[in-house]
Amino acid sequence: MKFSEKYLEKVKSLVKPVNHFETLAKDGFLNEYINDFFYDKYKFDMKFREEIMILQQEYSNEPIEEISKEYLAALSNELVNFIEKNEK
């Protein structure tokens, strides 16, 4: 049986290796795991931190308080910058 190219591309897009961070995020244990085993890397490696935050958002069944606080702090900072620029 020969499959069409379109079908094979669809299958390739759906099939990917399992990432243990994704599994931990789905189960609600990623934050604990990162704090126990990757604390320094999470604190100082911004690329790694962003990847973990994205995984938590995509796969976690509950909101992550730490991520919400970071986004609120970033939003607050942007609003302060916006206000300061407009006051001039």
Protein backbone atom coordinates (compact mmCIF):
# COMPACT_ATOMS: atom_id res chain seq x y z
CA MET A 1 0.00 0.00 0.00
CA LYS A 2 1.37 3.40 -0.96
CA PHE A 3 0.48 6.49 1.07
CA SER A 4 0.11 9.97 -0.36
CA GLU A 5 2.71 12.61 0.40
CA LYS A 6 0.10 14.72 2.17
CA TYR A 7 -0.80 11.84 4.48
CA LEU A 8 2.86 11.11 5.26
CA GLU A 9 3.51 14.78 6.09
CA LYS A 10 0.51 14.78 8.43
CA VAL A 11 1.77 11.65 10.20
CA LYS A 12 5.28 13.14 10.51
CA SER A 13 3.85 16.28 12.12
CA LEU A 14 1.93 14.22 14.69
CA VAL A 15 4.65 11.73 15.57
CA LYS A 16 7.43 13.06 17.75
CA PRO A 17 9.61 11.79 20.58
CA VAL A 18 8.26 11.97 24.10
CA ASN A 19 9.79 14.74 26.17
CA HIS A 20 9.94 13.92 29.88
CA PHE A 21 9.38 17.59 30.74
CA GLU A 22 6.06 17.47 28.84
CA THR A 23 5.02 14.38 30.76
CA LEU A 24 5.92 15.99 34.09
CA ALA A 25 3.98 19.14 33.14
CA LYS A 26 0.90 17.07 32.23
CA ASP A 27 1.12 15.29 35.58
CA GLY A 28 1.64 18.56 37.49
CA PHE A 29 5.17 17.77 38.73
CA LEU A 30 7.36 19.83 36.42
CA ASN A 31 7.79 22.75 38.82
CA GLU A 32 8.94 20.45 41.64
CA TYR A 33 11.26 18.55 39.31
CA ILE A 34 12.87 21.74 38.00
CA ASN A 35 13.31 23.10 41.53
CA ASP A 36 14.92 19.86 42.70
CA PHE A 37 17.21 19.09 39.77
CA PHE A 38 17.58 22.15 37.51
CA TYR A 39 17.22 25.08 39.89
CA ASP A 40 20.46 26.85 38.89
CA LYS A 41 19.92 26.27 35.19
CA TYR A 42 16.33 27.52 35.45
CA LYS A 43 17.43 30.61 37.38
CA PHE A 44 20.33 31.65 35.14
CA ASP A 45 19.71 30.17 31.66
CA MET A 46 16.98 32.34 30.13
CA LYS A 47 16.51 30.15 27.06
CA PHE A 48 15.96 27.07 29.22
CA ARG A 49 13.64 29.05 31.48
CA GLU A 50 11.53 30.18 28.53
CA GLU A 51 11.31 26.62 27.17
CA ILE A 52 10.13 25.32 30.54
CA MET A 53 7.58 28.10 30.90
CA ILE A 54 6.18 27.37 27.45
CA LEU A 55 5.95 23.66 28.25
CA GLN A 56 4.14 24.44 31.49
CA GLN A 57 1.64 26.63 29.67
CA GLU A 58 1.03 24.10 26.92
CA TYR A 59 0.79 20.93 28.96
CA SER A 60 -0.16 21.84 32.51
CA ASN A 61 -3.78 21.24 33.50
CA GLU A 62 -3.67 24.07 36.04
CA PRO A 63 -2.33 27.63 35.91
CA ILE A 64 1.22 28.04 37.21
CA GLU A 65 1.37 30.88 39.73
CA GLU A 66 5.06 31.58 39.11
CA ILE A 67 4.48 32.12 35.39
CA SER A 68 1.52 34.41 36.04
CA LYS A 69 3.65 36.50 38.41
CA GLU A 70 6.45 36.78 35.82
CA TYR A 71 4.03 37.87 33.12
CA LEU A 72 2.41 40.40 35.43
CA ALA A 73 5.82 41.81 36.39
CA ALA A 74 6.82 42.08 32.72
CA LEU A 75 3.50 43.72 31.84
CA SER A 76 3.85 46.13 34.75
CA ASN A 77 7.36 47.06 33.60
CA GLU A 78 6.14 47.68 30.05
CA LEU A 79 3.29 49.84 31.31
CA VAL A 80 5.67 51.92 33.45
CA ASN A 81 7.91 52.43 30.40
CA PHE A 82 4.87 53.38 28.30
CA ILE A 83 3.64 55.89 30.89
CA GLU A 84 7.10 57.43 31.31
CA LYS A 85 7.51 57.88 27.55
CA ASN A 86 4.07 59.46 27.21
CA GLU A 87 4.61 61.88 30.09
CA LYS A 88 7.51 63.55 28.28
